[in-house]
C-alpha atoms as a PDB file:
ATOM      1  CA  MET A   1      52.257 118.431 165.827  1.00  0.00           C
ATOM      2  CA  VAL A   2      52.267 115.571 168.296  1.00  0.00           C
ATOM      3  CA  LYS A   3      49.014 113.681 168.417  1.00  0.00           C
ATOM      4  CA  ASN A   4      47.733 112.089 171.606  1.00  0.00           C
ATOM      5  CA  ILE A   5      45.796 108.853 171.286  1.00  0.00           C
ATOM      6  CA  HIS A   6      43.679 107.190 173.951  1.00  0.00           C
ATOM      7  CA  SER A   7      41.960 103.868 174.169  1.00  0.00           C
ATOM      8  CA  LYS A   8      38.422 104.736 173.180  1.00  0.00           C
ATOM      9  CA  LYS A   9      35.029 103.421 174.103  1.00  0.00           C
ATOM     10  CA  GLU A  10      31.531 104.781 173.676  1.00  0.00           C
ATOM     11  CA  ASN A  11      31.235 108.254 172.166  1.00  0.00           C
ATOM     12  CA  GLY A  12      35.022 108.425 171.746  1.00  0.00           C
ATOM     13  CA  GLU A  13      35.685 108.824 175.495  1.00  0.00           C
ATOM     14  CA  ILE A  14      37.197 106.586 178.128  1.00  0.00           C
ATOM     15  CA  ARG A  15      34.343 105.610 180.414  1.00  0.00           C
ATOM     16  CA  VAL A  16      34.196 104.551 184.058  1.00  0.00           C
ATOM     17  CA  LYS A  17      31.773 101.764 184.920  1.00  0.00           C
ATOM     18  CA  ARG A  18      28.798 103.438 186.520  1.00  0.00           C
ATOM     19  CA  ALA A  19      28.479 101.610 189.828  1.00  0.00           C
ATOM     20  CA  MET A  20      28.478 105.082 191.428  1.00  0.00           C
ATOM     21  CA  PRO A  21      26.744 108.001 189.626  1.00  0.00           C
ATOM     22  CA  GLY A  22      29.064 110.776 188.500  1.00  0.00           C
ATOM     23  CA  LEU A  23      32.251 108.957 189.543  1.00  0.00           C
ATOM     24  CA  ALA A  24      33.764 109.302 186.069  1.00  0.00           C
ATOM     25  CA  ALA A  25      33.401 113.066 186.125  1.00  0.00           C
ATOM     26  CA  VAL A  26      34.808 113.354 189.647  1.00  0.00           C
ATOM     27  CA  LEU A  27      37.825 111.153 188.878  1.00  0.00           C
ATOM     28  CA  SER A  28      38.500 112.996 185.614  1.00  0.00           C
ATOM     29  CA  PHE A  29      38.503 116.319 187.447  1.00  0.00           C
ATOM     30  CA  LEU A  30      40.778 115.048 190.230  1.00  0.00           C
ATOM     31  CA  LEU A  31      43.186 113.452 187.767  1.00  0.00           C
ATOM     32  CA  SER A  32      43.524 116.599 185.686  1.00  0.00           C
ATOM     33  CA  THR A  33      44.003 118.681 188.839  1.00  0.00           C
ATOM     34  CA  ALA A  34      46.686 116.346 190.167  1.00  0.00           C
ATOM     35  CA  PHE A  35      48.648 116.391 186.932  1.00  0.00           C
ATOM     36  CA  GLY A  36      48.261 120.124 186.539  1.00  0.00           C
ATOM     37  CA  ALA A  37      49.874 120.572 189.957  1.00  0.00           C
ATOM     38  CA  ALA A  38      52.593 118.045 189.153  1.00  0.00           C
ATOM     39  CA  GLY A  39      53.390 119.975 185.984  1.00  0.00           C
ATOM     40  CA  GLN A  40      54.060 122.990 188.206  1.00  0.00           C
ATOM     41  CA  GLY A  41      56.551 121.030 190.302  1.00  0.00           C
ATOM     42  CA  ALA A  42      54.220 119.914 193.090  1.00  0.00           C
ATOM     43  CA  GLY A  43      54.959 116.247 192.317  1.00  0.00           C
ATOM     44  CA  LEU A  44      51.455 115.039 193.277  1.00  0.00           C
ATOM     45  CA  SER A  45      50.542 111.408 192.638  1.00  0.00           C
ATOM     46  CA  ILE A  46      47.367 109.919 191.266  1.00  0.00           C
ATOM     47  CA  THR A  47      48.222 106.487 192.687  1.00  0.00           C
ATOM     48  CA  ALA A  48      45.749 106.905 195.558  1.00  0.00           C
ATOM     49  CA  LEU A  49      42.980 107.766 193.114  1.00  0.00           C
ATOM     50  CA  THR A  50      43.737 104.693 191.021  1.00  0.00           C
ATOM     51  CA  ILE A  51      43.716 102.415 194.071  1.00  0.00           C
ATOM     52  CA  ALA A  52      40.453 103.949 195.314  1.00  0.00           C
ATOM     53  CA  ALA A  53      38.809 103.462 191.947  1.00  0.00           C
ATOM     54  CA  GLN A  54      39.925  99.838 191.781  1.00  0.00           C
ATOM     55  CA  ALA A  55      38.687  99.188 195.325  1.00  0.00           C
ATOM     56  CA  ALA A  56      35.294 100.552 194.325  1.00  0.00           C
ATOM     57  CA  GLY A  57      35.218  98.232 191.346  1.00  0.00           C
ATOM     58  CA  GLN A  58      35.820 101.064 188.888  1.00  0.00           C
ATOM     59  CA  THR A  59      38.129 101.504 185.911  1.00  0.00           C
ATOM     60  CA  SER A  60      39.989 104.789 186.247  1.00  0.00           C
ATOM     61  CA  PRO A  61      40.513 106.803 183.049  1.00  0.00           C
ATOM     62  CA  LEU A  62      44.110 107.049 181.926  1.00  0.00           C
ATOM     63  CA  PRO A  63      45.716 110.487 182.031  1.00  0.00           C
ATOM     64  CA  GLN A  64      46.753 112.145 178.799  1.00  0.00           C
ATOM     65  CA  ALA A  65      50.255 111.334 177.600  1.00  0.00           C
ATOM     66  CA  GLU A  66      50.947 115.049 177.222  1.00  0.00           C
ATOM     67  CA  SER A  67      50.160 115.625 180.918  1.00  0.00           C
ATOM     68  CA  ILE A  68      52.624 112.932 182.016  1.00  0.00           C
ATOM     69  CA  LEU A  69      55.373 114.236 179.747  1.00  0.00           C
ATOM     70  CA  GLU A  70      54.807 117.872 180.691  1.00  0.00           C
ATOM     71  CA  ALA A  71      55.004 116.937 184.380  1.00  0.00           C
ATOM     72  CA  TYR A  72      58.270 115.103 183.660  1.00  0.00           C
ATOM     73  CA  VAL A  73      59.709 118.154 181.885  1.00  0.00           C
ATOM     74  CA  ALA A  74      58.723 120.380 184.815  1.00  0.00           C
ATOM     75  CA  LYS A  75      60.257 117.930 187.277  1.00  0.00           C
ATOM     76  CA  CYS A  76      63.527 117.987 185.340  1.00  0.00           C
ATOM     77  CA  GLY A  77      63.930 121.755 185.419  1.00  0.00           C
ATOM     78  CA  GLY A  78      61.388 123.117 182.979  1.00  0.00           C
ATOM     79  CA  GLN A  79      61.290 123.734 179.238  1.00  0.00           C
ATOM     80  CA  ALA A  80      63.305 126.973 179.300  1.00  0.00           C
ATOM     81  CA  LEU A  81      66.267 125.271 180.974  1.00  0.00           C
ATOM     82  CA  LEU A  82      66.117 122.153 178.814  1.00  0.00           C
ATOM     83  CA  ASP A  83      65.989 124.213 175.608  1.00  0.00           C
ATOM     84  CA  LYS A  84      69.446 125.578 176.442  1.00  0.00           C
ATOM     85  CA  ILE A  85      71.057 122.128 176.676  1.00  0.00           C
ATOM     86  CA  VAL A  86      72.768 121.104 173.415  1.00  0.00           C
ATOM     87  CA  ASN A  87      74.932 118.175 174.516  1.00  0.00           C
ATOM     88  CA  ARG A  88      75.865 115.925 177.436  1.00  0.00           C
ATOM     89  CA  ARG A  89      79.161 114.244 178.298  1.00  0.00           C
ATOM     90  CA  THR A  90      79.240 111.360 180.763  1.00  0.00           C
ATOM     91  CA  ILE A  91      81.709 108.930 182.307  1.00  0.00           C
ATOM     92  CA  SER A  92      80.415 105.725 183.845  1.00  0.00           C
ATOM     93  CA  THR A  93      81.561 102.344 185.106  1.00  0.00           C
ATOM     94  CA  MET A  94      79.895  99.404 183.398  1.00  0.00           C
ATOM     95  CA  THR A  95      79.650  95.892 184.809  1.00  0.00           C
ATOM     96  CA  LEU A  96      78.444  92.983 182.688  1.00  0.00           C
ATOM     97  CA  SER A  97      76.586  89.981 184.047  1.00  0.00           C
ATOM     98  CA  LEU A  98      78.898  87.552 182.212  1.00  0.00           C
ATOM     99  CA  LEU A  99      82.267  89.210 182.916  1.00  0.00           C
ATOM    100  CA  PRO A 100      84.025  89.841 186.236  1.00  0.00           C
ATOM    101  CA  ALA A 101      85.944  92.977 185.235  1.00  0.00           C
ATOM    102  CA  SER A 102      84.286  96.359 184.875  1.00  0.00           C
ATOM    103  CA  ALA A 103      84.670  98.755 181.954  1.00  0.00           C
ATOM    104  CA  GLU A 104      84.902 102.527 181.626  1.00  0.00           C
ATOM    105  CA  VAL A 105      82.337 104.155 179.336  1.00  0.00           C
ATOM    106  CA  ARG A 106      82.778 107.685 177.940  1.00  0.00           C
ATOM    107  CA  THR A 107      79.887 109.122 175.952  1.00  0.00           C
ATOM    108  CA  ILE A 108      78.988 112.398 174.259  1.00  0.00           C
ATOM    109  CA  VAL A 109      75.442 112.814 172.925  1.00  0.00           C
ATOM    110  CA  THR A 110      74.018 115.882 171.202  1.00  0.00           C
ATOM    111  CA  LYS A 111      70.656 117.451 170.479  1.00  0.00           C
ATOM    112  CA  ALA A 112      71.649 117.676 166.817  1.00  0.00           C
ATOM    113  CA  GLY A 113      72.035 113.891 166.536  1.00  0.00           C
ATOM    114  CA  PRO A 114      75.763 112.995 166.339  1.00  0.00           C
ATOM    115  CA  TYR A 115      77.161 110.965 169.251  1.00  0.00           C
ATOM    116  CA  ARG A 116      80.263 109.050 170.279  1.00  0.00           C
ATOM    117  CA  CYS A 117      80.632 106.298 172.875  1.00  0.00           C
ATOM    118  CA  ILE A 118      83.886 104.542 173.807  1.00  0.00           C
ATOM    119  CA  VAL A 119      83.962 101.467 176.062  1.00  0.00           C
ATOM    120  CA  ASN A 120      87.327 100.357 177.451  1.00  0.00           C
ATOM    121  CA  SER A 121      87.542  97.003 179.216  1.00  0.00           C
ATOM    122  CA  PRO A 122      90.459  94.780 180.312  1.00  0.00           C
ATOM    123  CA  SER A 123      88.245  91.817 179.360  1.00  0.00           C
ATOM    124  CA  PHE A 124      87.363  92.598 175.736  1.00  0.00           C
ATOM    125  CA  GLY A 125      89.375  95.688 174.796  1.00  0.00           C
ATOM    126  CA  LYS A 126      87.810  98.772 173.218  1.00  0.00           C
ATOM    127  CA  ILE A 127      84.372  99.037 171.622  1.00  0.00           C
ATOM    128  CA  GLU A 128      83.279 102.230 169.885  1.00  0.00           C
ATOM    129  CA  TYR A 129      79.842 103.431 168.853  1.00  0.00           C
ATOM    130  CA  GLY A 130      79.013 106.590 166.995  1.00  0.00           C
ATOM    131  CA  SER A 131      77.193 108.611 164.405  1.00  0.00           C
ATOM    132  CA  ASP A 132      77.982 111.716 162.390  1.00  0.00           C
ATOM    133  CA  GLY A 133      74.262 112.435 162.253  1.00  0.00           C
ATOM    134  CA  GLY A 134      73.751 110.202 159.234  1.00  0.00           C
ATOM    135  CA  THR A 135      75.766 106.975 159.385  1.00  0.00           C
ATOM    136  CA  VAL A 136      75.326 104.919 162.567  1.00  0.00           C
ATOM    137  CA  TRP A 137      78.239 102.618 163.276  1.00  0.00           C
ATOM    138  CA  GLU A 138      80.003 100.259 165.694  1.00  0.00           C
ATOM    139  CA  ILE A 139      83.582  98.998 165.902  1.00  0.00           C
ATOM    140  CA  ASN A 140      83.852  95.846 167.989  1.00  0.00           C
ATOM    141  CA  PRO A 141      87.012  93.687 168.264  1.00  0.00           C
ATOM    142  CA  MET A 142      84.808  90.570 168.165  1.00  0.00           C
ATOM    143  CA  THR A 143      82.696  91.487 165.121  1.00  0.00           C
ATOM    144  CA  GLY A 144      84.723  94.166 163.351  1.00  0.00           C
ATOM    145  CA  PRO A 145      83.411  97.466 161.951  1.00  0.00           C
ATOM    146  CA  GLN A 146      79.684  97.561 161.272  1.00  0.00           C
ATOM    147  CA  ILE A 147      77.266 100.089 159.822  1.00  0.00           C
ATOM    148  CA  LYS A 148      73.881  99.852 161.495  1.00  0.00           C
ATOM    149  CA  GLU A 149      70.807  99.675 159.289  1.00  0.00           C
ATOM    150  CA  GLY A 150      67.078  99.244 159.727  1.00  0.00           C
ATOM    151  CA  LEU A 151      65.731  98.574 163.213  1.00  0.00           C
ATOM    152  CA  GLU A 152      69.174  98.551 164.823  1.00  0.00           C
ATOM    153  CA  ARG A 153      70.034 101.915 163.315  1.00  0.00           C
ATOM    154  CA  ARG A 154      66.873 103.397 164.786  1.00  0.00           C
ATOM    155  CA  ARG A 155      67.539 101.772 168.169  1.00  0.00           C
ATOM    156  CA  PHE A 156      71.054 103.169 168.417  1.00  0.00           C
ATOM    157  CA  GLN A 157      69.825 106.609 167.388  1.00  0.00           C
ATOM    158  CA  ALA A 158      67.214 106.528 170.153  1.00  0.00           C
ATOM    159  CA  LEU A 159      69.479 104.996 172.811  1.00  0.00           C
ATOM    160  CA  TYR A 160      72.266 107.521 172.212  1.00  0.00           C
ATOM    161  CA  SER A 161      70.016 110.539 171.965  1.00  0.00           C
ATOM    162  CA  LEU A 162      69.842 113.616 174.139  1.00  0.00           C
ATOM    163  CA  ASP A 163      66.780 112.766 176.228  1.00  0.00           C
ATOM    164  CA  LEU A 164      64.050 112.181 173.662  1.00  0.00           C
ATOM    165  CA  ALA A 165      61.358 112.013 176.359  1.00  0.00           C
ATOM    166  CA  LEU A 166      62.262 115.528 177.500  1.00  0.00           C
ATOM    167  CA  ARG A 167      62.133 116.718 173.865  1.00  0.00           C
ATOM    168  CA  TRP A 168      58.963 114.804 173.092  1.00  0.00           C
ATOM    169  CA  ARG A 169      57.253 117.533 171.068  1.00  0.00           C
ATOM    170  CA  GLU A 170      60.006 117.566 168.449  1.00  0.00           C
ATOM    171  CA  ALA A 171      61.092 113.935 168.792  1.00  0.00           C
ATOM    172  CA  PHE A 172      57.798 112.099 168.294  1.00  0.00           C
ATOM    173  CA  GLN A 173      55.016 112.175 165.751  1.00  0.00           C
ATOM    174  CA  ARG A 174      52.568 110.809 168.320  1.00  0.00           C
ATOM    175  CA  VAL A 175      52.410 109.748 171.974  1.00  0.00           C
ATOM    176  CA  GLU A 176      49.877 107.567 173.759  1.00  0.00           C
ATOM    177  CA  CYS A 177      49.250 106.533 177.355  1.00  0.00           C
ATOM    178  CA  THR A 178      48.491 102.846 176.901  1.00  0.00           C
ATOM    179  CA  GLY A 179      47.943 101.591 180.433  1.00  0.00           C
ATOM    180  CA  LEU A 180      49.200 100.941 183.935  1.00  0.00           C
ATOM    181  CA  ALA A 181      52.243  98.842 184.805  1.00  0.00           C
ATOM    182  CA  GLU A 182      54.636  98.094 187.635  1.00  0.00           C
ATOM    183  CA  VAL A 183      58.364  98.860 187.669  1.00  0.00           C
ATOM    184  CA  GLY A 184      60.437  97.741 190.638  1.00  0.00           C
ATOM    185  CA  GLY A 185      57.301  97.081 192.640  1.00  0.00           C
ATOM    186  CA  ARG A 186      55.992 100.616 192.097  1.00  0.00           C
ATOM    187  CA  PRO A 187      52.993 101.659 189.957  1.00  0.00           C
ATOM    188  CA  ALA A 188      53.820 103.339 186.676  1.00  0.00           C
ATOM    189  CA  PHE A 189      52.118 104.756 183.603  1.00  0.00           C
ATOM    190  CA  LYS A 190      52.998 103.094 180.297  1.00  0.00           C
ATOM    191  CA  LEU A 191      53.463 105.365 177.280  1.00  0.00           C
ATOM    192  CA  THR A 192      54.184 104.562 173.661  1.00  0.00           C
ATOM    193  CA  ALA A 193      56.027 107.215 171.663  1.00  0.00           C
ATOM    194  CA  VAL A 194      56.606 106.912 167.910  1.00  0.00           C
ATOM    195  CA  THR A 195      59.433 108.729 166.149  1.00  0.00           C
ATOM    196  CA  SER A 196      59.205 110.295 162.709  1.00  0.00           C
ATOM    197  CA  ASP A 197      60.664 107.114 161.181  1.00  0.00           C
ATOM    198  CA  ASP A 198      58.042 104.925 162.919  1.00  0.00           C
ATOM    199  CA  TYR A 199      60.250 103.579 165.709  1.00  0.00           C
ATOM    200  CA  ALA A 200      58.012 102.868 168.724  1.00  0.00           C
ATOM    201  CA  ILE A 201      59.634 103.405 172.133  1.00  0.00           C
ATOM    202  CA  THR A 202      57.833 102.431 175.339  1.00  0.00           C
ATOM    203  CA  TYR A 203      58.289 104.617 178.419  1.00  0.00           C
ATOM    204  CA  TYR A 204      57.287 103.866 182.006  1.00  0.00           C
ATOM    205  CA  PHE A 205      56.816 106.823 184.356  1.00  0.00           C
ATOM    206  CA  ASP A 206      56.670 106.319 188.113  1.00  0.00           C
ATOM    207  CA  GLN A 207      53.223 107.428 189.278  1.00  0.00           C
ATOM    208  CA  THR A 208      54.509 108.913 192.539  1.00  0.00           C
ATOM    209  CA  SER A 209      57.680 110.742 191.489  1.00  0.00           C
ATOM    210  CA  GLY A 210      56.712 111.476 187.889  1.00  0.00           C
ATOM    211  CA  LEU A 211      60.187 110.403 186.802  1.00  0.00           C
ATOM    212  CA  LEU A 212      61.103 108.009 184.019  1.00  0.00           C
ATOM    213  CA  ALA A 213      61.636 104.552 185.543  1.00  0.00           C
ATOM    214  CA  LYS A 214      62.067 102.315 182.494  1.00  0.00           C
ATOM    215  CA  VAL A 215      62.433 102.440 178.716  1.00  0.00           C
ATOM    216  CA  GLU A 216      61.951  99.635 176.187  1.00  0.00           C
ATOM    217  CA  TYR A 217      63.671  99.751 172.787  1.00  0.00           C
ATOM    218  CA  PRO A 218      62.764  97.212 170.051  1.00  0.00           C
ATOM    219  CA  MET A 219      65.929  95.482 168.836  1.00  0.00           C
ATOM    220  CA  GLU A 220      67.027  92.955 166.242  1.00  0.00           C
ATOM    221  CA  THR A 221      68.761  89.751 167.399  1.00  0.00           C
ATOM    222  CA  VAL A 222      70.003  86.637 165.608  1.00  0.00           C
ATOM    223  CA  THR A 223      66.766  84.910 166.618  1.00  0.00           C
ATOM    224  CA  GLY A 224      64.455  87.757 165.597  1.00  0.00           C
ATOM    225  CA  GLN A 225      63.075  90.896 167.193  1.00  0.00           C
ATOM    226  CA  SER A 226      63.281  91.429 170.928  1.00  0.00           C
ATOM    227  CA  LEU A 227      63.450  94.264 173.472  1.00  0.00           C
ATOM    228  CA  GLN A 228      66.213  96.094 175.255  1.00  0.00           C
ATOM    229  CA  GLU A 229      64.993  97.216 178.678  1.00  0.00           C
ATOM    230  CA  VAL A 230      66.658 100.139 180.465  1.00  0.00           C
ATOM    231  CA  PHE A 231      65.851 100.703 184.153  1.00  0.00           C
ATOM    232  CA  LEU A 232      66.615 104.164 185.542  1.00  0.00           C
ATOM    233  CA  ASP A 233      67.049 105.288 189.157  1.00  0.00           C
ATOM    234  CA  ASP A 234      69.243 107.281 191.561  1.00  0.00           C
ATOM    235  CA  TYR A 235      68.234 110.603 190.022  1.00  0.00           C
ATOM    236  CA  ARG A 236      70.487 113.510 191.016  1.00  0.00           C
ATOM    237  CA  SER A 237      70.499 117.207 190.247  1.00  0.00           C
ATOM    238  CA  VAL A 238      73.019 118.348 187.629  1.00  0.00           C
ATOM    239  CA  ALA A 239      73.080 121.951 186.391  1.00  0.00           C
ATOM    240  CA  GLY A 240      69.457 122.434 187.389  1.00  0.00           C
ATOM    241  CA  THR A 241      68.092 119.280 185.760  1.00  0.00           C
ATOM    242  CA  LEU A 242      67.882 115.626 186.862  1.00  0.00           C
ATOM    243  CA  PHE A 243      69.894 112.649 185.636  1.00  0.00           C
ATOM    244  CA  PRO A 244      69.644 108.923 186.589  1.00  0.00           C
ATOM    245  CA  TYR A 245      73.059 107.941 187.934  1.00  0.00           C
ATOM    246  CA  ARG A 246      72.231 104.230 187.857  1.00  0.00           C
ATOM    247  CA  GLN A 247      71.019 102.529 184.690  1.00  0.00           C
ATOM    248  CA  VAL A 248      70.508  98.802 184.188  1.00  0.00           C
ATOM    249  CA  ARG A 249      70.242  97.604 180.592  1.00  0.00           C
ATOM    250  CA  LYS A 250      68.786  94.161 179.979  1.00  0.00           C
ATOM    251  CA  GLU A 251      68.691  92.425 176.632  1.00  0.00           C
ATOM    252  CA  PRO A 252      68.728  88.792 175.471  1.00  0.00           C
ATOM    253  CA  GLY A 253      71.773  87.020 176.904  1.00  0.00           C
ATOM    254  CA  ARG A 254      73.225  89.819 179.012  1.00  0.00           C
ATOM    255  CA  GLN A 255      72.706  92.556 181.551  1.00  0.00           C
ATOM    256  CA  MET A 256      74.724  95.766 181.856  1.00  0.00           C
ATOM    257  CA  THR A 257      74.796  98.054 184.878  1.00  0.00           C
ATOM    258  CA  LEU A 258      76.066 101.609 184.422  1.00  0.00           C
ATOM    259  CA  ILE A 259      77.048 103.700 187.446  1.00  0.00           C
ATOM    260  CA  PHE A 260      77.771 107.279 186.382  1.00  0.00           C
ATOM    261  CA  THR A 261      80.676 109.153 187.956  1.00  0.00           C
ATOM    262  CA  SER A 262      80.603 112.324 185.837  1.00  0.00           C
ATOM    263  CA  VAL A 263      77.739 114.135 184.072  1.00  0.00           C
ATOM    264  CA  GLU A 264      78.267 117.465 182.265  1.00  0.00           C
ATOM    265  CA  PHE A 265      76.066 119.523 179.989  1.00  0.00           C
ATOM    266  CA  ASN A 266      76.964 121.977 177.212  1.00  0.00           C
ATOM    267  CA  VAL A 267      80.613 120.959 177.046  1.00  0.00           C
ATOM    268  CA  GLU A 268      83.100 121.973 174.386  1.00  0.00           C
ATOM    269  CA  VAL A 269      83.415 119.141 171.884  1.00  0.00           C
ATOM    270  CA  PRO A 270      86.821 118.693 170.213  1.00  0.00           C
ATOM    271  CA  GLU A 271      86.837 119.035 166.443  1.00  0.00           C
ATOM    272  CA  GLY A 272      86.547 115.703 164.662  1.00  0.00           C
ATOM    273  CA  THR A 273      84.831 113.924 167.575  1.00  0.00           C
ATOM    274  CA  PHE A 274      81.938 112.760 165.414  1.00  0.00           C
ATOM    275  CA  ASP A 275      83.886 112.126 162.195  1.00  0.00           C
ATOM    276  CA  LEU A 276      83.521 108.626 160.762  1.00  0.00           C
ATOM    277  CA  PRO A 277      86.544 106.415 161.619  1.00  0.00           C
ATOM    278  CA  GLU A 278      88.688 105.145 158.761  1.00  0.00           C
ATOM    279  CA  ALA A 279      87.491 101.574 159.321  1.00  0.00           C
ATOM    280  CA  ILE A 280      83.881 102.696 158.889  1.00  0.00           C
ATOM    281  CA  LEU A 281      84.719 104.735 155.787  1.00  0.00           C
ATOM    282  CA  LYS A 282      86.318 101.629 154.249  1.00  0.00           C
ATOM    283  CA  THR A 283      83.275  99.521 155.176  1.00  0.00           C
ATOM    284  CA  SER A 284      80.999 102.122 153.644  1.00  0.00           C
ATOM    285  CA  LYS A 285      82.961 102.114 150.412  1.00  0.00           C
ATOM    286  CA  LEU A 286      82.896  98.316 150.275  1.00  0.00           C
ATOM    287  CA  ALA A 287      79.130  98.372 150.800  1.00  0.00           C
ATOM    288  CA  LYS A 288      78.810 100.513 147.671  1.00  0.00           C
END
């Protein structure tokens, strides 16, 4: 069961400063009403309520993480539709901040866990990422074959997943709305979601649209731990759900922009797609 956690003050509840009698109760009612409507597809915003509370010198209570995620699921087609999706195949064009030439990226991700991503670039050749559901690996012409472990293994699993935020009940052991933030000049709710192996992902949901605007993944670098930021926009309808056709990934030393040209769900996956490559099998044997 997913547990929701809130910042707590007196008596275990989030309180509003009492400059105006009963304001906390009124705001709590309006917030729950707004998110209940959004969860039904109305797409209502609580931004105006937040601004009004701040103008009155109040601290507005944060909405429940479950309410934000349920509204997001409803916005993206509803639980019944999403339950039927087992995989997604995409083709995108990637541009890197440090290289002039673009690259083609072909990716297949699955609900079960295995994935495969192939990047072809005239600048650096072919890079492959993948997992058979157990081993997480990368083959890079600059670094050779690698098996991901620890924090990086968990990051790759999360990054190449089939929409963890839309499968939040099964994907996370707990979720928490931790505060307000701003993404691209727009107000957003900040959520922390922790996987079963204690990997904490931070999500930012646009307060007006209810859509996911940004994700932060903890990552390991040569200088220590850092964050990979992924900005999402240009949502379009595909097979009844929504998908962000523009994604900007920022991490220490580089920025990648992905523009998607093809998005398909529930495709037939050729046999052997997720098998471990020979180079990874050799690396695995050497590691033993």
